[in-house]
Amino acid sequence: MALQYIGIDPDTKTGDSPTVWFDDDTREFVLQGWKADTDLRQRITETPAPGHTPGIPDHEDVVRMPARMINVLREACDAAERAQLG
């Protein structure tokens, strides 16, 4: 099945459209969200995960997802659980 569309921001109109997919093949969440601005990227750098180097590695990025998408994210987690069983 490969890439499953899970859901889109329920308040989307035509442009801003954070979206969630689940990739069955790689068993990964795929998120389209708003780019993190300079302020958020700086705050992330100042709040590193314990035991990790501060900052965002070049091969990674940060996106923001609206909290109103909680049901979509839960559905993606359900898809991930189903994939673990298969």
PDB file of N, CA and C in Angstrom:
ATOM      1  N   MET A   1       0.823  -1.198   0.000  1.00  0.00           N
ATOM      2  CA  MET A   1       0.000   0.000   0.000  1.00  0.00           C
ATOM      3  C   MET A   1       0.860   1.251   0.000  1.00  0.00           C
ATOM      4  N   ALA A   2       2.025   1.208   0.495  1.00  0.00           N
ATOM      5  CA  ALA A   2       2.977   2.324   0.505  1.00  0.00           C
ATOM      6  C   ALA A   2       2.476   3.523   1.292  1.00  0.00           C
ATOM      7  N   LEU A   3       2.222   4.651   0.641  1.00  0.00           N
ATOM      8  CA  LEU A   3       1.902   5.894   1.339  1.00  0.00           C
ATOM      9  C   LEU A   3       0.388   6.014   1.537  1.00  0.00           C
ATOM     10  N   GLN A   4      -0.027   6.080   2.812  1.00  0.00           N
ATOM     11  CA  GLN A   4      -1.443   6.251   3.150  1.00  0.00           C
ATOM     12  C   GLN A   4      -1.712   7.700   3.501  1.00  0.00           C
ATOM     13  N   TYR A   5      -2.636   8.329   2.831  1.00  0.00           N
ATOM     14  CA  TYR A   5      -3.097   9.651   3.249  1.00  0.00           C
ATOM     15  C   TYR A   5      -3.906   9.452   4.519  1.00  0.00           C
ATOM     16  N   ILE A   6      -3.574  10.198   5.568  1.00  0.00           N
ATOM     17  CA  ILE A   6      -4.299  10.083   6.827  1.00  0.00           C
ATOM     18  C   ILE A   6      -5.274  11.237   7.000  1.00  0.00           C
ATOM     19  N   GLY A   7      -4.791  12.465   6.835  1.00  0.00           N
ATOM     20  CA  GLY A   7      -5.697  13.589   7.008  1.00  0.00           C
ATOM     21  C   GLY A   7      -5.011  14.922   6.821  1.00  0.00           C
ATOM     22  N   ILE A   8      -5.845  15.943   6.740  1.00  0.00           N
ATOM     23  CA  ILE A   8      -5.382  17.302   6.499  1.00  0.00           C
ATOM     24  C   ILE A   8      -5.966  18.215   7.577  1.00  0.00           C
ATOM     25  N   ASP A   9      -5.349  19.347   7.804  1.00  0.00           N
ATOM     26  CA  ASP A   9      -5.832  20.338   8.768  1.00  0.00           C
ATOM     27  C   ASP A   9      -7.318  20.591   8.504  1.00  0.00           C
ATOM     28  N   PRO A  10      -8.167  20.367   9.506  1.00  0.00           N
ATOM     29  CA  PRO A  10      -9.601  20.536   9.278  1.00  0.00           C
ATOM     30  C   PRO A  10     -10.000  21.978   8.965  1.00  0.00           C
ATOM     31  N   ASP A  11      -9.144  22.936   9.272  1.00  0.00           N
ATOM     32  CA  ASP A  11      -9.452  24.332   8.983  1.00  0.00           C
ATOM     33  C   ASP A  11      -8.829  24.804   7.672  1.00  0.00           C
ATOM     34  N   THR A  12      -8.295  23.878   6.882  1.00  0.00           N
ATOM     35  CA  THR A  12      -7.626  24.273   5.646  1.00  0.00           C
ATOM     36  C   THR A  12      -8.627  24.861   4.654  1.00  0.00           C
ATOM     37  N   LYS A  13      -8.131  25.798   3.907  1.00  0.00           N
ATOM     38  CA  LYS A  13      -8.959  26.399   2.848  1.00  0.00           C
ATOM     39  C   LYS A  13      -8.392  25.903   1.517  1.00  0.00           C
ATOM     40  N   THR A  14      -7.471  26.660   0.930  1.00  0.00           N
ATOM     41  CA  THR A  14      -6.857  26.214  -0.316  1.00  0.00           C
ATOM     42  C   THR A  14      -5.343  26.186  -0.228  1.00  0.00           C
ATOM     43  N   GLY A  15      -4.763  26.907   0.708  1.00  0.00           N
ATOM     44  CA  GLY A  15      -3.313  27.010   0.784  1.00  0.00           C
ATOM     45  C   GLY A  15      -2.741  26.287   1.988  1.00  0.00           C
ATOM     46  N   ASP A  16      -2.716  26.982   3.148  1.00  0.00           N
ATOM     47  CA  ASP A  16      -2.176  26.396   4.374  1.00  0.00           C
ATOM     48  C   ASP A  16      -2.796  25.028   4.596  1.00  0.00           C
ATOM     49  N   SER A  17      -2.037  23.994   4.379  1.00  0.00           N
ATOM     50  CA  SER A  17      -2.654  22.682   4.515  1.00  0.00           C
ATOM     51  C   SER A  17      -1.708  21.662   5.130  1.00  0.00           C
ATOM     52  N   PRO A  18      -1.412  21.799   6.441  1.00  0.00           N
ATOM     53  CA  PRO A  18      -0.650  20.747   7.083  1.00  0.00           C
ATOM     54  C   PRO A  18      -1.354  19.401   6.865  1.00  0.00           C
ATOM     55  N   THR A  19      -0.573  18.399   6.522  1.00  0.00           N
ATOM     56  CA  THR A  19      -1.116  17.103   6.123  1.00  0.00           C
ATOM     57  C   THR A  19      -0.284  15.995   6.746  1.00  0.00           C
ATOM     58  N   VAL A  20      -0.925  14.854   7.006  1.00  0.00           N
ATOM     59  CA  VAL A  20      -0.250  13.702   7.588  1.00  0.00           C
ATOM     60  C   VAL A  20      -0.477  12.482   6.704  1.00  0.00           C
ATOM     61  N   TRP A  21       0.603  11.752   6.470  1.00  0.00           N
ATOM     62  CA  TRP A  21       0.564  10.461   5.782  1.00  0.00           C
ATOM     63  C   TRP A  21       1.279   9.439   6.657  1.00  0.00           C
ATOM     64  N   PHE A  22       1.068   8.167   6.358  1.00  0.00           N
ATOM     65  CA  PHE A  22       1.851   7.107   6.985  1.00  0.00           C
ATOM     66  C   PHE A  22       2.380   6.226   5.863  1.00  0.00           C
ATOM     67  N   ASP A  23       3.690   5.985   5.876  1.00  0.00           N
ATOM     68  CA  ASP A  23       4.339   5.167   4.851  1.00  0.00           C
ATOM     69  C   ASP A  23       4.414   3.731   5.364  1.00  0.00           C
ATOM     70  N   ASP A  24       3.613   2.848   4.778  1.00  0.00           N
ATOM     71  CA  ASP A  24       3.587   1.442   5.190  1.00  0.00           C
ATOM     72  C   ASP A  24       4.914   0.748   4.947  1.00  0.00           C
ATOM     73  N   ASP A  25       5.591   1.111   3.874  1.00  0.00           N
ATOM     74  CA  ASP A  25       6.842   0.438   3.515  1.00  0.00           C
ATOM     75  C   ASP A  25       7.960   0.752   4.494  1.00  0.00           C
ATOM     76  N   THR A  26       8.107   2.026   4.832  1.00  0.00           N
ATOM     77  CA  THR A  26       9.203   2.423   5.729  1.00  0.00           C
ATOM     78  C   THR A  26       8.756   2.510   7.182  1.00  0.00           C
ATOM     79  N   ARG A  27       7.425   2.424   7.392  1.00  0.00           N
ATOM     80  CA  ARG A  27       6.841   2.555   8.730  1.00  0.00           C
ATOM     81  C   ARG A  27       7.242   3.884   9.378  1.00  0.00           C
ATOM     82  N   GLU A  28       7.013   4.951   8.604  1.00  0.00           N
ATOM     83  CA  GLU A  28       7.343   6.302   9.056  1.00  0.00           C
ATOM     84  C   GLU A  28       6.144   7.217   8.867  1.00  0.00           C
ATOM     85  N   PHE A  29       6.050   8.194   9.766  1.00  0.00           N
ATOM     86  CA  PHE A  29       5.081   9.268   9.586  1.00  0.00           C
ATOM     87  C   PHE A  29       5.670  10.265   8.604  1.00  0.00           C
ATOM     88  N   VAL A  30       4.853  10.794   7.728  1.00  0.00           N
ATOM     89  CA  VAL A  30       5.277  11.826   6.785  1.00  0.00           C
ATOM     90  C   VAL A  30       4.386  13.031   7.071  1.00  0.00           C
ATOM     91  N   LEU A  31       5.029  14.139   7.455  1.00  0.00           N
ATOM     92  CA  LEU A  31       4.292  15.318   7.877  1.00  0.00           C
ATOM     93  C   LEU A  31       4.599  16.508   6.984  1.00  0.00           C
ATOM     94  N   GLN A  32       3.560  17.164   6.534  1.00  0.00           N
ATOM     95  CA  GLN A  32       3.701  18.442   5.845  1.00  0.00           C
ATOM     96  C   GLN A  32       3.132  19.475   6.797  1.00  0.00           C
ATOM     97  N   GLY A  33       3.943  20.443   7.157  1.00  0.00           N
ATOM     98  CA  GLY A  33       3.479  21.454   8.101  1.00  0.00           C
ATOM     99  C   GLY A  33       4.079  22.799   7.779  1.00  0.00           C
ATOM    100  N   TRP A  34       3.858  23.726   8.677  1.00  0.00           N
ATOM    101  CA  TRP A  34       4.405  25.059   8.492  1.00  0.00           C
ATOM    102  C   TRP A  34       5.879  25.058   8.860  1.00  0.00           C
ATOM    103  N   LYS A  35       6.682  25.756   8.094  1.00  0.00           N
ATOM    104  CA  LYS A  35       8.114  25.863   8.394  1.00  0.00           C
ATOM    105  C   LYS A  35       8.309  26.553   9.742  1.00  0.00           C
ATOM    106  N   ALA A  36       9.274  26.056  10.474  1.00  0.00           N
ATOM    107  CA  ALA A  36       9.630  26.704  11.734  1.00  0.00           C
ATOM    108  C   ALA A  36      10.352  28.009  11.421  1.00  0.00           C
ATOM    109  N   ASP A  37       9.944  29.075  12.099  1.00  0.00           N
ATOM    110  CA  ASP A  37      10.611  30.355  11.861  1.00  0.00           C
ATOM    111  C   ASP A  37      11.914  30.412  12.659  1.00  0.00           C
ATOM    112  N   THR A  38      12.658  31.483  12.462  1.00  0.00           N
ATOM    113  CA  THR A  38      13.962  31.643  13.100  1.00  0.00           C
ATOM    114  C   THR A  38      13.854  31.582  14.616  1.00  0.00           C
ATOM    115  N   ASP A  39      12.818  32.200  15.176  1.00  0.00           N
ATOM    116  CA  ASP A  39      12.649  32.202  16.627  1.00  0.00           C
ATOM    117  C   ASP A  39      12.459  30.777  17.163  1.00  0.00           C
ATOM    118  N   LEU A  40      11.590  29.996  16.537  1.00  0.00           N
ATOM    119  CA  LEU A  40      11.365  28.623  16.994  1.00  0.00           C
ATOM    120  C   LEU A  40      12.621  27.781  16.840  1.00  0.00           C
ATOM    121  N   ARG A  41      13.326  27.926  15.723  1.00  0.00           N
ATOM    122  CA  ARG A  41      14.562  27.170  15.514  1.00  0.00           C
ATOM    123  C   ARG A  41      15.587  27.513  16.599  1.00  0.00           C
ATOM    124  N   GLN A  42      15.652  28.782  17.002  1.00  0.00           N
ATOM    125  CA  GLN A  42      16.566  29.200  18.058  1.00  0.00           C
ATOM    126  C   GLN A  42      16.148  28.590  19.394  1.00  0.00           C
ATOM    127  N   ARG A  43      14.857  28.615  19.679  1.00  0.00           N
ATOM    128  CA  ARG A  43      14.378  28.032  20.943  1.00  0.00           C
ATOM    129  C   ARG A  43      14.658  26.534  20.995  1.00  0.00           C
ATOM    130  N   ILE A  44      14.557  25.852  19.864  1.00  0.00           N
ATOM    131  CA  ILE A  44      14.884  24.424  19.808  1.00  0.00           C
ATOM    132  C   ILE A  44      16.365  24.219  20.095  1.00  0.00           C
ATOM    133  N   THR A  45      17.203  25.061  19.515  1.00  0.00           N
ATOM    134  CA  THR A  45      18.646  24.979  19.749  1.00  0.00           C
ATOM    135  C   THR A  45      18.972  25.194  21.221  1.00  0.00           C
ATOM    136  N   GLU A  46      18.220  26.078  21.870  1.00  0.00           N
ATOM    137  CA  GLU A  46      18.448  26.376  23.286  1.00  0.00           C
ATOM    138  C   GLU A  46      17.834  25.339  24.224  1.00  0.00           C
ATOM    139  N   THR A  47      17.066  24.405  23.659  1.00  0.00           N
ATOM    140  CA  THR A  47      16.393  23.378  24.468  1.00  0.00           C
ATOM    141  C   THR A  47      16.677  22.004  23.854  1.00  0.00           C
ATOM    142  N   PRO A  48      17.935  21.559  23.870  1.00  0.00           N
ATOM    143  CA  PRO A  48      18.265  20.296  23.210  1.00  0.00           C
ATOM    144  C   PRO A  48      17.678  19.086  23.947  1.00  0.00           C
ATOM    145  N   ALA A  49      17.476  18.019  23.208  1.00  0.00           N
ATOM    146  CA  ALA A  49      17.070  16.758  23.817  1.00  0.00           C
ATOM    147  C   ALA A  49      18.217  16.284  24.700  1.00  0.00           C
ATOM    148  N   PRO A  50      17.914  15.753  25.871  1.00  0.00           N
ATOM    149  CA  PRO A  50      18.981  15.296  26.779  1.00  0.00           C
ATOM    150  C   PRO A  50      19.949  14.338  26.074  1.00  0.00           C
ATOM    151  N   GLY A  51      21.234  14.628  26.231  1.00  0.00           N
ATOM    152  CA  GLY A  51      22.263  13.780  25.654  1.00  0.00           C
ATOM    153  C   GLY A  51      22.525  13.996  24.177  1.00  0.00           C
ATOM    154  N   HIS A  52      21.897  15.000  23.599  1.00  0.00           N
ATOM    155  CA  HIS A  52      22.074  15.275  22.174  1.00  0.00           C
ATOM    156  C   HIS A  52      22.710  16.646  21.974  1.00  0.00           C
ATOM    157  N   THR A  53      23.376  16.808  20.858  1.00  0.00           N
ATOM    158  CA  THR A  53      23.993  18.077  20.513  1.00  0.00           C
ATOM    159  C   THR A  53      22.904  19.109  20.228  1.00  0.00           C
ATOM    160  N   PRO A  54      23.053  20.324  20.741  1.00  0.00           N
ATOM    161  CA  PRO A  54      22.072  21.364  20.442  1.00  0.00           C
ATOM    162  C   PRO A  54      22.006  21.662  18.946  1.00  0.00           C
ATOM    163  N   GLY A  55      20.862  22.078  18.498  1.00  0.00           N
ATOM    164  CA  GLY A  55      20.695  22.474  17.102  1.00  0.00           C
ATOM    165  C   GLY A  55      19.929  21.444  16.301  1.00  0.00           C
ATOM    166  N   ILE A  56      19.705  21.775  15.060  1.00  0.00           N
ATOM    167  CA  ILE A  56      18.974  20.914  14.130  1.00  0.00           C
ATOM    168  C   ILE A  56      19.972  20.452  13.070  1.00  0.00           C
ATOM    169  N   PRO A  57      20.261  19.165  13.001  1.00  0.00           N
ATOM    170  CA  PRO A  57      21.226  18.684  12.015  1.00  0.00           C
ATOM    171  C   PRO A  57      20.798  19.037  10.588  1.00  0.00           C
ATOM    172  N   ASP A  58      21.770  19.162   9.703  1.00  0.00           N
ATOM    173  CA  ASP A  58      21.479  19.531   8.313  1.00  0.00           C
ATOM    174  C   ASP A  58      20.519  18.561   7.623  1.00  0.00           C
ATOM    175  N   HIS A  59      20.538  17.300   8.027  1.00  0.00           N
ATOM    176  CA  HIS A  59      19.684  16.310   7.370  1.00  0.00           C
ATOM    177  C   HIS A  59      18.293  16.212   8.012  1.00  0.00           C
ATOM    178  N   GLU A  60      17.993  17.092   8.965  1.00  0.00           N
ATOM    179  CA  GLU A  60      16.687  17.116   9.619  1.00  0.00           C
ATOM    180  C   GLU A  60      16.072  18.507   9.501  1.00  0.00           C
ATOM    181  N   ASP A  61      14.776  18.590   9.785  1.00  0.00           N
ATOM    182  CA  ASP A  61      14.108  19.883   9.786  1.00  0.00           C
ATOM    183  C   ASP A  61      12.979  19.857  10.794  1.00  0.00           C
ATOM    184  N   VAL A  62      12.387  20.979  11.035  1.00  0.00           N
ATOM    185  CA  VAL A  62      11.310  21.125  11.993  1.00  0.00           C
ATOM    186  C   VAL A  62      10.099  21.701  11.268  1.00  0.00           C
ATOM    187  N   VAL A  63       8.941  21.101  11.496  1.00  0.00           N
ATOM    188  CA  VAL A  63       7.690  21.665  10.987  1.00  0.00           C
ATOM    189  C   VAL A  63       6.732  21.800  12.153  1.00  0.00           C
ATOM    190  N   ARG A  64       5.806  22.723  12.018  1.00  0.00           N
ATOM    191  CA  ARG A  64       4.793  22.932  13.048  1.00  0.00           C
ATOM    192  C   ARG A  64       3.469  22.356  12.551  1.00  0.00           C
ATOM    193  N   MET A  65       2.725  21.737  13.470  1.00  0.00           N
ATOM    194  CA  MET A  65       1.409  21.183  13.169  1.00  0.00           C
ATOM    195  C   MET A  65       0.420  21.793  14.157  1.00  0.00           C
ATOM    196  N   PRO A  66      -0.748  22.253  13.697  1.00  0.00           N
ATOM    197  CA  PRO A  66      -1.713  22.834  14.628  1.00  0.00           C
ATOM    198  C   PRO A  66      -2.296  21.764  15.556  1.00  0.00           C
ATOM    199  N   ALA A  67      -2.518  22.133  16.804  1.00  0.00           N
ATOM    200  CA  ALA A  67      -3.065  21.202  17.792  1.00  0.00           C
ATOM    201  C   ALA A  67      -4.432  20.672  17.377  1.00  0.00           C
ATOM    202  N   ARG A  68      -5.160  21.428  16.559  1.00  0.00           N
ATOM    203  CA  ARG A  68      -6.477  20.954  16.123  1.00  0.00           C
ATOM    204  C   ARG A  68      -6.375  19.681  15.272  1.00  0.00           C
ATOM    205  N   MET A  69      -5.145  19.303  14.893  1.00  0.00           N
ATOM    206  CA  MET A  69      -4.944  18.081  14.104  1.00  0.00           C
ATOM    207  C   MET A  69      -4.703  16.859  14.989  1.00  0.00           C
ATOM    208  N   ILE A  70      -4.995  16.956  16.265  1.00  0.00           N
ATOM    209  CA  ILE A  70      -4.725  15.858  17.178  1.00  0.00           C
ATOM    210  C   ILE A  70      -5.401  14.557  16.721  1.00  0.00           C
ATOM    211  N   ASN A  71      -6.633  14.647  16.212  1.00  0.00           N
ATOM    212  CA  ASN A  71      -7.315  13.429  15.755  1.00  0.00           C
ATOM    213  C   ASN A  71      -6.632  12.822  14.539  1.00  0.00           C
ATOM    214  N   VAL A  72      -6.114  13.664  13.661  1.00  0.00           N
ATOM    215  CA  VAL A  72      -5.386  13.171  12.484  1.00  0.00           C
ATOM    216  C   VAL A  72      -4.100  12.472  12.929  1.00  0.00           C
ATOM    217  N   LEU A  73      -3.389  13.074  13.891  1.00  0.00           N
ATOM    218  CA  LEU A  73      -2.157  12.462  14.394  1.00  0.00           C
ATOM    219  C   LEU A  73      -2.450  11.147  15.110  1.00  0.00           C
ATOM    220  N   ARG A  74      -3.553  11.077  15.839  1.00  0.00           N
ATOM    221  CA  ARG A  74      -3.942   9.809  16.477  1.00  0.00           C
ATOM    222  C   ARG A  74      -4.230   8.744  15.433  1.00  0.00           C
ATOM    223  N   GLU A  75      -4.891   9.137  14.365  1.00  0.00           N
ATOM    224  CA  GLU A  75      -5.192   8.191  13.290  1.00  0.00           C
ATOM    225  C   GLU A  75      -3.900   7.676  12.654  1.00  0.00           C
ATOM    226  N   ALA A  76      -2.907   8.559  12.510  1.00  0.00           N
ATOM    227  CA  ALA A  76      -1.606   8.139  11.976  1.00  0.00           C
ATOM    228  C   ALA A  76      -0.941   7.146  12.934  1.00  0.00           C
ATOM    229  N   CYS A  77      -1.068   7.382  14.227  1.00  0.00           N
ATOM    230  CA  CYS A  77      -0.513   6.437  15.211  1.00  0.00           C
ATOM    231  C   CYS A  77      -1.215   5.090  15.111  1.00  0.00           C
ATOM    232  N   ASP A  78      -2.517   5.099  14.890  1.00  0.00           N
ATOM    233  CA  ASP A  78      -3.258   3.845  14.694  1.00  0.00           C
ATOM    234  C   ASP A  78      -2.752   3.097  13.467  1.00  0.00           C
ATOM    235  N   ALA A  79      -2.493   3.834  12.390  1.00  0.00           N
ATOM    236  CA  ALA A  79      -1.949   3.215  11.179  1.00  0.00           C
ATOM    237  C   ALA A  79      -0.583   2.592  11.455  1.00  0.00           C
ATOM    238  N   ALA A  80       0.221   3.278  12.247  1.00  0.00           N
ATOM    239  CA  ALA A  80       1.547   2.754  12.594  1.00  0.00           C
ATOM    240  C   ALA A  80       1.410   1.467  13.405  1.00  0.00           C
ATOM    241  N   GLU A  81       0.481   1.445  14.339  1.00  0.00           N
ATOM    242  CA  GLU A  81       0.266   0.230  15.119  1.00  0.00           C
ATOM    243  C   GLU A  81      -0.193  -0.922  14.243  1.00  0.00           C
ATOM    244  N   ARG A  82      -1.100  -0.648  13.311  1.00  0.00           N
ATOM    245  CA  ARG A  82      -1.560  -1.706  12.402  1.00  0.00           C
ATOM    246  C   ARG A  82      -0.390  -2.232  11.555  1.00  0.00           C
ATOM    247  N   ALA A  83       0.492  -1.342  11.130  1.00  0.00           N
ATOM    248  CA  ALA A  83       1.639  -1.757  10.312  1.00  0.00           C
ATOM    249  C   ALA A  83       2.581  -2.653  11.109  1.00  0.00           C
ATOM    250  N   GLN A  84       2.711  -2.410  12.398  1.00  0.00           N
ATOM    251  CA  GLN A  84       3.579  -3.242  13.237  1.00  0.00           C
ATOM    252  C   GLN A  84       3.036  -4.654  13.359  1.00  0.00           C
ATOM    253  N   LEU A  85       1.730  -4.803  13.223  1.00  0.00           N
ATOM    254  CA  LEU A  85       1.114  -6.117  13.335  1.00  0.00           C
ATOM    255  C   LEU A  85       1.212  -6.909  12.042  1.00  0.00           C
ATOM    256  N   GLY A  86       1.381  -6.179  10.941  1.00  0.00           N
ATOM    257  CA  GLY A  86       1.376  -6.830   9.624  1.00  0.00           C
ATOM    258  C   GLY A  86       2.711  -7.341   9.190  1.00  0.00           C
TER     259      GLY A  86
END
